[in-house]
N, C-alpha and C. Protein backbone atom coordinates (compact mmCIF):
# COMPACT_ATOMS: atom_id res chain seq x y z
N UNK A 1 -34.21 -49.37 -44.77
CA UNK A 1 -34.40 -49.66 -46.17
C UNK A 1 -33.16 -50.40 -46.68
N UNK A 2 -33.37 -51.41 -47.48
CA UNK A 2 -32.29 -52.25 -47.95
C UNK A 2 -32.09 -52.06 -49.45
N UNK A 3 -31.23 -51.10 -49.81
CA UNK A 3 -30.96 -50.80 -51.21
C UNK A 3 -29.50 -51.10 -51.51
N UNK A 4 -29.26 -51.85 -52.58
CA UNK A 4 -27.92 -52.17 -53.03
C UNK A 4 -27.66 -51.36 -54.30
N UNK A 5 -26.58 -50.60 -54.31
CA UNK A 5 -26.27 -49.71 -55.42
C UNK A 5 -24.96 -50.10 -56.07
N UNK A 6 -24.93 -50.07 -57.40
CA UNK A 6 -23.72 -50.30 -58.17
C UNK A 6 -23.55 -49.16 -59.15
N UNK A 7 -22.45 -48.43 -59.06
CA UNK A 7 -22.13 -47.37 -60.00
C UNK A 7 -20.80 -47.67 -60.67
N UNK A 8 -20.77 -47.60 -61.98
CA UNK A 8 -19.52 -47.78 -62.71
C UNK A 8 -18.68 -46.53 -62.49
N UNK A 9 -17.43 -46.74 -62.12
CA UNK A 9 -16.53 -45.62 -61.88
C UNK A 9 -16.11 -44.99 -63.20
N UNK A 10 -16.11 -43.66 -63.23
CA UNK A 10 -15.62 -42.93 -64.39
C UNK A 10 -14.12 -42.75 -64.22
N UNK A 11 -13.31 -43.06 -65.24
CA UNK A 11 -11.86 -42.89 -65.11
C UNK A 11 -11.49 -41.44 -64.77
N UNK A 12 -10.46 -41.27 -63.97
CA UNK A 12 -10.04 -39.96 -63.49
C UNK A 12 -9.77 -38.97 -64.63
N UNK A 13 -9.03 -39.35 -65.69
CA UNK A 13 -8.81 -38.38 -66.77
C UNK A 13 -10.11 -37.90 -67.42
N UNK A 14 -11.08 -38.80 -67.55
CA UNK A 14 -12.37 -38.43 -68.14
C UNK A 14 -13.11 -37.46 -67.22
N UNK A 15 -13.05 -37.71 -65.91
CA UNK A 15 -13.70 -36.81 -64.96
C UNK A 15 -13.07 -35.42 -64.99
N UNK A 16 -11.72 -35.39 -65.00
CA UNK A 16 -11.01 -34.11 -65.03
C UNK A 16 -11.39 -33.34 -66.29
N UNK A 17 -11.36 -34.03 -67.43
CA UNK A 17 -11.73 -33.38 -68.69
C UNK A 17 -13.18 -32.91 -68.64
N UNK A 18 -14.06 -33.71 -68.07
CA UNK A 18 -15.47 -33.34 -67.95
C UNK A 18 -15.67 -32.08 -67.13
N UNK A 19 -14.95 -31.98 -65.99
CA UNK A 19 -15.07 -30.79 -65.16
C UNK A 19 -14.49 -29.56 -65.86
N UNK A 20 -13.40 -29.74 -66.61
CA UNK A 20 -12.84 -28.62 -67.36
C UNK A 20 -13.82 -28.11 -68.42
N UNK A 21 -14.43 -29.04 -69.16
CA UNK A 21 -15.42 -28.65 -70.17
C UNK A 21 -16.62 -27.98 -69.50
N UNK A 22 -17.04 -28.48 -68.35
CA UNK A 22 -18.15 -27.89 -67.61
C UNK A 22 -17.83 -26.45 -67.18
N UNK A 23 -16.63 -26.25 -66.66
CA UNK A 23 -16.22 -24.90 -66.23
C UNK A 23 -16.15 -23.96 -67.43
N UNK A 24 -15.58 -24.44 -68.54
CA UNK A 24 -15.53 -23.62 -69.76
C UNK A 24 -16.95 -23.27 -70.21
N UNK A 25 -17.85 -24.23 -70.11
CA UNK A 25 -19.24 -23.98 -70.49
C UNK A 25 -19.91 -22.94 -69.61
N UNK A 26 -19.67 -23.03 -68.31
CA UNK A 26 -20.28 -22.07 -67.38
C UNK A 26 -19.72 -20.67 -67.65
N UNK A 27 -18.40 -20.56 -67.82
CA UNK A 27 -17.81 -19.25 -68.10
C UNK A 27 -18.25 -18.74 -69.48
N UNK A 28 -18.34 -19.63 -70.44
CA UNK A 28 -18.74 -19.23 -71.79
C UNK A 28 -20.22 -18.91 -71.90
N UNK A 29 -21.01 -19.39 -70.96
CA UNK A 29 -22.46 -19.16 -70.98
C UNK A 29 -22.79 -17.66 -70.98
N UNK A 30 -21.95 -16.89 -70.29
CA UNK A 30 -22.20 -15.45 -70.19
C UNK A 30 -21.81 -14.72 -71.47
N UNK A 31 -20.96 -15.34 -72.30
CA UNK A 31 -20.56 -14.74 -73.58
C UNK A 31 -21.51 -15.16 -74.69
N UNK A 32 -21.81 -16.47 -74.74
CA UNK A 32 -22.65 -17.01 -75.80
C UNK A 32 -23.49 -18.13 -75.18
N UNK A 33 -24.76 -17.87 -74.99
CA UNK A 33 -25.64 -18.82 -74.29
C UNK A 33 -25.67 -20.17 -75.00
N UNK A 34 -25.75 -20.15 -76.32
CA UNK A 34 -25.85 -21.39 -77.09
C UNK A 34 -24.59 -22.26 -76.92
N UNK A 35 -23.42 -21.68 -77.17
CA UNK A 35 -22.16 -22.45 -77.06
C UNK A 35 -21.91 -22.86 -75.60
N UNK A 36 -22.19 -21.96 -74.68
CA UNK A 36 -22.02 -22.29 -73.27
C UNK A 36 -22.88 -23.47 -72.86
N UNK A 37 -24.12 -23.50 -73.34
CA UNK A 37 -25.04 -24.61 -73.03
C UNK A 37 -24.52 -25.93 -73.59
N UNK A 38 -23.95 -25.88 -74.80
CA UNK A 38 -23.41 -27.11 -75.40
C UNK A 38 -22.25 -27.63 -74.56
N UNK A 39 -21.34 -26.76 -74.15
CA UNK A 39 -20.20 -27.20 -73.33
C UNK A 39 -20.67 -27.71 -71.97
N UNK A 40 -21.67 -27.08 -71.38
CA UNK A 40 -22.20 -27.55 -70.10
C UNK A 40 -22.79 -28.94 -70.26
N UNK A 41 -23.56 -29.16 -71.32
CA UNK A 41 -24.17 -30.48 -71.56
C UNK A 41 -23.11 -31.55 -71.77
N UNK A 42 -22.07 -31.24 -72.54
CA UNK A 42 -20.99 -32.21 -72.77
C UNK A 42 -20.26 -32.51 -71.47
N UNK A 43 -19.95 -31.47 -70.69
CA UNK A 43 -19.26 -31.66 -69.41
C UNK A 43 -20.06 -32.52 -68.45
N UNK A 44 -21.37 -32.24 -68.35
CA UNK A 44 -22.23 -33.04 -67.47
C UNK A 44 -22.30 -34.49 -67.95
N UNK A 45 -22.34 -34.68 -69.26
CA UNK A 45 -22.36 -36.04 -69.80
C UNK A 45 -21.09 -36.82 -69.48
N UNK A 46 -19.96 -36.14 -69.47
CA UNK A 46 -18.69 -36.82 -69.19
C UNK A 46 -18.54 -37.20 -67.72
N UNK A 47 -19.15 -36.46 -66.81
CA UNK A 47 -18.97 -36.76 -65.39
C UNK A 47 -20.12 -37.59 -64.81
N UNK A 48 -21.13 -37.88 -65.63
CA UNK A 48 -22.26 -38.68 -65.17
C UNK A 48 -21.85 -40.15 -65.05
N UNK A 49 -22.23 -40.78 -63.95
CA UNK A 49 -21.96 -42.21 -63.73
C UNK A 49 -23.22 -43.01 -64.05
N UNK A 50 -23.03 -44.24 -64.52
CA UNK A 50 -24.14 -45.14 -64.79
C UNK A 50 -24.07 -46.33 -63.84
N UNK A 51 -25.20 -46.94 -63.60
CA UNK A 51 -25.23 -48.10 -62.73
C UNK A 51 -26.62 -48.65 -62.56
N UNK A 52 -26.79 -49.42 -61.50
CA UNK A 52 -28.09 -49.99 -61.20
C UNK A 52 -28.27 -50.05 -59.69
N UNK A 53 -29.52 -50.19 -59.30
CA UNK A 53 -29.87 -50.19 -57.88
C UNK A 53 -31.03 -51.16 -57.69
N UNK A 54 -31.00 -51.91 -56.60
CA UNK A 54 -32.10 -52.82 -56.29
C UNK A 54 -32.58 -52.51 -54.87
N UNK A 55 -33.88 -52.42 -54.72
CA UNK A 55 -34.50 -52.21 -53.42
C UNK A 55 -35.05 -53.57 -53.00
N UNK A 56 -34.40 -54.19 -52.03
CA UNK A 56 -34.79 -55.53 -51.61
C UNK A 56 -36.06 -55.53 -50.77
N UNK A 57 -36.42 -54.39 -50.19
CA UNK A 57 -37.63 -54.33 -49.38
C UNK A 57 -38.90 -54.44 -50.22
N UNK A 58 -38.96 -53.68 -51.31
CA UNK A 58 -40.17 -53.75 -52.13
C UNK A 58 -39.94 -54.43 -53.48
N UNK A 59 -38.77 -55.08 -53.63
CA UNK A 59 -38.43 -55.88 -54.82
C UNK A 59 -38.59 -55.11 -56.12
N UNK A 60 -37.94 -53.95 -56.17
CA UNK A 60 -37.89 -53.15 -57.39
C UNK A 60 -36.43 -52.86 -57.71
N UNK A 61 -36.17 -52.50 -58.98
CA UNK A 61 -34.82 -52.12 -59.38
C UNK A 61 -34.89 -51.02 -60.41
N UNK A 62 -33.74 -50.41 -60.65
CA UNK A 62 -33.67 -49.40 -61.70
C UNK A 62 -32.26 -49.32 -62.25
N UNK A 63 -32.18 -49.09 -63.55
CA UNK A 63 -30.93 -48.70 -64.18
C UNK A 63 -30.90 -47.19 -64.03
N UNK A 64 -29.76 -46.65 -63.63
CA UNK A 64 -29.77 -45.25 -63.28
C UNK A 64 -28.53 -44.53 -63.76
N UNK A 65 -28.63 -43.22 -63.71
CA UNK A 65 -27.51 -42.32 -63.94
C UNK A 65 -27.38 -41.49 -62.68
N UNK A 66 -26.15 -41.18 -62.32
CA UNK A 66 -25.88 -40.43 -61.10
C UNK A 66 -25.03 -39.21 -61.45
N UNK A 67 -25.48 -38.06 -60.99
CA UNK A 67 -24.76 -36.81 -61.23
C UNK A 67 -24.76 -36.02 -59.94
N UNK A 68 -23.58 -35.74 -59.41
CA UNK A 68 -23.43 -35.01 -58.15
C UNK A 68 -24.23 -35.68 -57.02
N UNK A 69 -24.16 -36.98 -56.95
CA UNK A 69 -24.84 -37.81 -55.94
C UNK A 69 -26.37 -37.84 -56.07
N UNK A 70 -26.90 -37.20 -57.10
CA UNK A 70 -28.32 -37.31 -57.40
C UNK A 70 -28.51 -38.48 -58.35
N UNK A 71 -29.50 -39.31 -58.08
CA UNK A 71 -29.72 -40.51 -58.88
C UNK A 71 -31.01 -40.37 -59.68
N UNK A 72 -30.91 -40.73 -60.97
CA UNK A 72 -32.06 -40.62 -61.86
C UNK A 72 -32.32 -41.97 -62.50
N UNK A 73 -33.56 -42.40 -62.48
CA UNK A 73 -33.95 -43.66 -63.09
C UNK A 73 -35.30 -44.09 -62.54
N UNK A 74 -36.05 -44.80 -63.34
CA UNK A 74 -37.39 -45.21 -62.94
C UNK A 74 -37.34 -46.58 -62.26
N UNK A 75 -37.97 -46.68 -61.10
CA UNK A 75 -38.07 -47.95 -60.39
C UNK A 75 -39.08 -48.84 -61.11
N UNK A 76 -38.70 -50.08 -61.35
CA UNK A 76 -39.62 -51.04 -61.95
C UNK A 76 -39.59 -52.33 -61.14
N UNK A 77 -40.68 -53.09 -61.15
CA UNK A 77 -40.70 -54.35 -60.39
C UNK A 77 -39.63 -55.32 -60.91
N UNK A 78 -39.03 -56.04 -59.99
CA UNK A 78 -38.01 -57.03 -60.37
C UNK A 78 -38.67 -58.17 -61.16
N UNK A 79 -37.98 -58.65 -62.18
CA UNK A 79 -38.48 -59.86 -62.85
C UNK A 79 -38.26 -61.05 -61.93
N UNK A 80 -38.74 -62.19 -62.31
CA UNK A 80 -38.51 -63.42 -61.54
C UNK A 80 -37.05 -63.80 -61.72
N UNK A 81 -36.23 -63.48 -60.73
CA UNK A 81 -34.81 -63.78 -60.81
C UNK A 81 -34.58 -65.27 -60.62
N UNK A 82 -33.60 -65.82 -61.37
CA UNK A 82 -33.26 -67.24 -61.28
C UNK A 82 -32.20 -67.49 -60.20
N UNK A 83 -31.13 -66.69 -60.23
CA UNK A 83 -30.06 -66.86 -59.24
C UNK A 83 -29.15 -65.64 -59.24
N UNK A 84 -28.35 -65.54 -58.20
CA UNK A 84 -27.34 -64.49 -58.11
C UNK A 84 -25.97 -65.15 -58.26
N UNK A 85 -25.14 -64.56 -59.10
CA UNK A 85 -23.81 -65.10 -59.35
C UNK A 85 -22.77 -64.17 -58.74
N UNK A 86 -21.85 -64.75 -57.96
CA UNK A 86 -20.73 -64.01 -57.40
C UNK A 86 -19.51 -64.49 -58.16
N UNK A 87 -18.89 -63.60 -58.95
CA UNK A 87 -17.75 -64.06 -59.71
C UNK A 87 -16.62 -63.05 -59.73
N UNK A 88 -15.43 -63.61 -59.91
CA UNK A 88 -14.22 -62.81 -59.92
C UNK A 88 -13.82 -62.57 -61.37
N UNK A 89 -13.46 -61.34 -61.66
CA UNK A 89 -13.03 -60.99 -63.01
C UNK A 89 -11.96 -59.92 -62.93
N UNK A 90 -11.45 -59.53 -64.06
CA UNK A 90 -10.45 -58.47 -64.10
C UNK A 90 -11.07 -57.23 -64.70
N UNK A 91 -10.71 -56.09 -64.13
CA UNK A 91 -11.18 -54.81 -64.63
C UNK A 91 -9.97 -54.08 -65.20
N UNK A 92 -10.11 -53.62 -66.43
CA UNK A 92 -9.00 -52.95 -67.10
C UNK A 92 -9.39 -51.51 -67.39
N UNK A 93 -8.53 -50.59 -66.98
CA UNK A 93 -8.74 -49.18 -67.28
C UNK A 93 -7.54 -48.69 -68.06
N UNK A 94 -7.80 -48.02 -69.18
CA UNK A 94 -6.74 -47.46 -70.00
C UNK A 94 -6.74 -45.95 -69.83
N UNK A 95 -5.57 -45.43 -69.54
CA UNK A 95 -5.41 -43.99 -69.34
C UNK A 95 -4.50 -43.48 -70.46
N UNK A 96 -4.98 -42.49 -71.20
CA UNK A 96 -4.21 -41.92 -72.30
C UNK A 96 -4.00 -40.43 -72.06
N UNK A 97 -2.75 -40.02 -72.15
CA UNK A 97 -2.41 -38.61 -72.02
C UNK A 97 -1.54 -38.26 -73.22
N UNK A 98 -2.02 -37.40 -74.07
CA UNK A 98 -1.38 -36.95 -75.31
C UNK A 98 -0.91 -38.14 -76.14
N UNK A 99 0.37 -38.53 -76.04
CA UNK A 99 0.88 -39.63 -76.86
C UNK A 99 1.17 -40.90 -76.06
N UNK A 100 1.06 -40.83 -74.76
CA UNK A 100 1.36 -41.99 -73.92
C UNK A 100 0.07 -42.59 -73.36
N UNK A 101 0.05 -43.90 -73.25
CA UNK A 101 -1.10 -44.54 -72.62
C UNK A 101 -0.62 -45.72 -71.79
N UNK A 102 -1.40 -46.02 -70.77
CA UNK A 102 -1.09 -47.15 -69.92
C UNK A 102 -2.39 -47.82 -69.51
N UNK A 103 -2.31 -49.10 -69.23
CA UNK A 103 -3.48 -49.85 -68.78
C UNK A 103 -3.22 -50.40 -67.39
N UNK A 104 -4.23 -50.28 -66.55
CA UNK A 104 -4.15 -50.80 -65.19
C UNK A 104 -5.20 -51.89 -65.07
N UNK A 105 -4.78 -53.08 -64.64
CA UNK A 105 -5.70 -54.20 -64.48
C UNK A 105 -5.77 -54.57 -63.00
N UNK A 106 -7.00 -54.79 -62.52
CA UNK A 106 -7.17 -55.18 -61.12
C UNK A 106 -8.27 -56.23 -61.02
N UNK A 107 -8.18 -57.06 -59.98
CA UNK A 107 -9.20 -58.08 -59.73
C UNK A 107 -10.38 -57.45 -59.02
N UNK A 108 -11.59 -57.79 -59.47
CA UNK A 108 -12.79 -57.33 -58.81
C UNK A 108 -13.78 -58.49 -58.71
N UNK A 109 -14.76 -58.32 -57.85
CA UNK A 109 -15.82 -59.32 -57.70
C UNK A 109 -17.14 -58.62 -58.00
N UNK A 110 -17.91 -59.23 -58.91
CA UNK A 110 -19.20 -58.68 -59.32
C UNK A 110 -20.32 -59.58 -58.86
N UNK A 111 -21.47 -58.99 -58.54
CA UNK A 111 -22.70 -59.73 -58.26
C UNK A 111 -23.66 -59.45 -59.40
N UNK A 112 -23.98 -60.49 -60.16
CA UNK A 112 -24.97 -60.38 -61.23
C UNK A 112 -26.18 -61.20 -60.84
N UNK A 113 -27.35 -60.64 -61.09
CA UNK A 113 -28.59 -61.38 -60.85
C UNK A 113 -29.14 -61.76 -62.22
N UNK A 114 -29.33 -63.07 -62.44
CA UNK A 114 -29.76 -63.58 -63.73
C UNK A 114 -31.26 -63.84 -63.74
N UNK A 115 -31.86 -63.60 -64.91
CA UNK A 115 -33.28 -63.87 -65.13
C UNK A 115 -33.49 -64.22 -66.60
N UNK A 116 -34.61 -64.83 -66.90
CA UNK A 116 -34.91 -65.28 -68.28
C UNK A 116 -33.74 -66.07 -68.87
N UNK A 117 -33.17 -66.96 -68.11
CA UNK A 117 -32.10 -67.88 -68.47
C UNK A 117 -30.73 -67.22 -68.67
N UNK A 118 -30.59 -66.17 -69.50
CA UNK A 118 -29.25 -65.64 -69.74
C UNK A 118 -29.14 -64.12 -69.62
N UNK A 119 -30.20 -63.44 -69.25
CA UNK A 119 -30.13 -62.00 -69.06
C UNK A 119 -29.67 -61.72 -67.64
N UNK A 120 -28.90 -60.64 -67.46
CA UNK A 120 -28.44 -60.33 -66.11
C UNK A 120 -28.35 -58.83 -65.89
N UNK A 121 -28.34 -58.48 -64.61
CA UNK A 121 -28.15 -57.11 -64.16
C UNK A 121 -27.04 -57.13 -63.12
N UNK A 122 -26.05 -56.27 -63.27
CA UNK A 122 -24.98 -56.17 -62.28
C UNK A 122 -25.44 -55.23 -61.19
N UNK A 123 -25.45 -55.73 -59.95
CA UNK A 123 -25.93 -54.92 -58.84
C UNK A 123 -24.85 -54.55 -57.84
N UNK A 124 -23.67 -55.11 -57.97
CA UNK A 124 -22.67 -54.80 -56.96
C UNK A 124 -21.29 -55.12 -57.47
N UNK A 125 -20.31 -54.30 -57.05
CA UNK A 125 -18.91 -54.51 -57.40
C UNK A 125 -18.08 -54.23 -56.15
N UNK A 126 -17.12 -55.09 -55.88
CA UNK A 126 -16.28 -54.90 -54.71
C UNK A 126 -14.94 -55.61 -54.91
N UNK A 127 -14.02 -55.34 -54.01
CA UNK A 127 -12.75 -56.06 -53.97
C UNK A 127 -12.75 -57.07 -52.82
N UNK A 128 -13.76 -57.01 -51.97
CA UNK A 128 -13.84 -57.83 -50.77
C UNK A 128 -14.78 -59.02 -51.00
N UNK A 129 -14.21 -60.21 -51.03
CA UNK A 129 -14.98 -61.43 -51.30
C UNK A 129 -16.03 -61.68 -50.21
N UNK A 130 -15.67 -61.45 -48.95
CA UNK A 130 -16.60 -61.67 -47.85
C UNK A 130 -17.81 -60.73 -47.94
N UNK A 131 -17.55 -59.48 -48.29
CA UNK A 131 -18.65 -58.52 -48.44
C UNK A 131 -19.59 -58.95 -49.57
N UNK A 132 -19.02 -59.44 -50.67
CA UNK A 132 -19.82 -59.89 -51.81
C UNK A 132 -20.74 -61.04 -51.39
N UNK A 133 -20.22 -61.99 -50.62
CA UNK A 133 -21.05 -63.12 -50.20
C UNK A 133 -22.08 -62.73 -49.15
N UNK A 134 -21.79 -61.73 -48.32
CA UNK A 134 -22.79 -61.23 -47.36
C UNK A 134 -23.98 -60.65 -48.12
N UNK A 135 -23.70 -59.88 -49.14
CA UNK A 135 -24.78 -59.27 -49.93
C UNK A 135 -25.52 -60.34 -50.73
N UNK A 136 -24.79 -61.30 -51.28
CA UNK A 136 -25.43 -62.39 -52.04
C UNK A 136 -26.36 -63.20 -51.14
N UNK A 137 -25.95 -63.45 -49.91
CA UNK A 137 -26.80 -64.19 -48.97
C UNK A 137 -28.06 -63.40 -48.63
N UNK A 138 -27.90 -62.09 -48.48
CA UNK A 138 -29.05 -61.23 -48.21
C UNK A 138 -30.03 -61.28 -49.38
N UNK A 139 -29.48 -61.22 -50.60
CA UNK A 139 -30.33 -61.29 -51.79
C UNK A 139 -31.00 -62.65 -51.90
N UNK A 140 -30.26 -63.70 -51.55
CA UNK A 140 -30.83 -65.05 -51.60
C UNK A 140 -32.03 -65.17 -50.65
N UNK A 141 -31.86 -64.65 -49.47
CA UNK A 141 -32.92 -64.74 -48.47
C UNK A 141 -34.15 -63.94 -48.88
N UNK A 142 -33.96 -62.71 -49.30
CA UNK A 142 -35.09 -61.83 -49.61
C UNK A 142 -35.75 -62.19 -50.94
N UNK A 143 -34.94 -62.47 -51.97
CA UNK A 143 -35.49 -62.76 -53.30
C UNK A 143 -35.81 -64.25 -53.50
N UNK A 144 -35.42 -65.07 -52.53
CA UNK A 144 -35.66 -66.52 -52.58
C UNK A 144 -35.08 -67.15 -53.85
N UNK A 145 -33.77 -66.92 -54.04
CA UNK A 145 -33.06 -67.47 -55.19
C UNK A 145 -31.77 -68.13 -54.72
N UNK A 146 -31.13 -68.90 -55.61
CA UNK A 146 -29.89 -69.58 -55.29
C UNK A 146 -28.69 -68.65 -55.54
N UNK A 147 -27.55 -69.02 -54.94
CA UNK A 147 -26.31 -68.28 -55.13
C UNK A 147 -25.30 -69.20 -55.81
N UNK A 148 -24.69 -68.70 -56.87
CA UNK A 148 -23.64 -69.43 -57.58
C UNK A 148 -22.30 -68.78 -57.27
N UNK A 149 -21.40 -69.56 -56.68
CA UNK A 149 -20.05 -69.09 -56.39
C UNK A 149 -19.17 -69.38 -57.60
N UNK A 150 -18.84 -68.35 -58.35
CA UNK A 150 -17.98 -68.50 -59.52
C UNK A 150 -16.68 -67.77 -59.32
N UNK A 151 -16.22 -67.69 -58.06
CA UNK A 151 -14.98 -66.98 -57.77
C UNK A 151 -13.74 -67.86 -57.91
N UNK A 152 -13.95 -69.17 -57.90
CA UNK A 152 -12.83 -70.09 -58.04
C UNK A 152 -12.82 -70.78 -59.38
N UNK A 153 -11.98 -71.78 -59.50
CA UNK A 153 -11.89 -72.55 -60.75
C UNK A 153 -13.17 -73.34 -60.98
N UNK A 154 -13.68 -73.96 -59.92
CA UNK A 154 -14.91 -74.73 -59.99
C UNK A 154 -16.09 -73.87 -59.54
N UNK A 155 -17.14 -73.83 -60.33
CA UNK A 155 -18.36 -73.14 -59.92
C UNK A 155 -19.15 -74.06 -59.01
N UNK A 156 -19.74 -73.48 -57.96
CA UNK A 156 -20.52 -74.30 -57.06
C UNK A 156 -21.73 -73.52 -56.53
N UNK A 157 -22.83 -74.26 -56.36
CA UNK A 157 -24.04 -73.67 -55.82
C UNK A 157 -23.96 -73.69 -54.31
N UNK A 158 -24.36 -72.60 -53.69
CA UNK A 158 -24.34 -72.52 -52.23
C UNK A 158 -25.74 -72.71 -51.67
């Protein structure tokens, strides 16, 4: 089966806080079911990841949420995709602890599949340019679409 998955990473401080709230909710559940349930729901919401997935075998995709490696989302048929774009961008994460904050910026490569002229779905994120182009070529072959290389100064069709 040929499934490509993209999950947005949850920042570490948010995950830690989410697990703490979840633990407080579980412990508090035995004292007060209502308040414990609220804390459990908030904790689960903080640690849930969002993303998308495409099944190249049967040409379906889904926007999904992932919790403890379980994926939730409805598979729907792919629209008529126009092209896949491989482009380089910067990802910025801000970490705040009490009164101090810092931002970390890193280069990443995203694969977006465009349809209806300007709508897109992000299906993959990586730091490896070769891996991105391997997946883009696979998508090109299966979905019968063009690949746009937007990783350099000049955009070019492959």
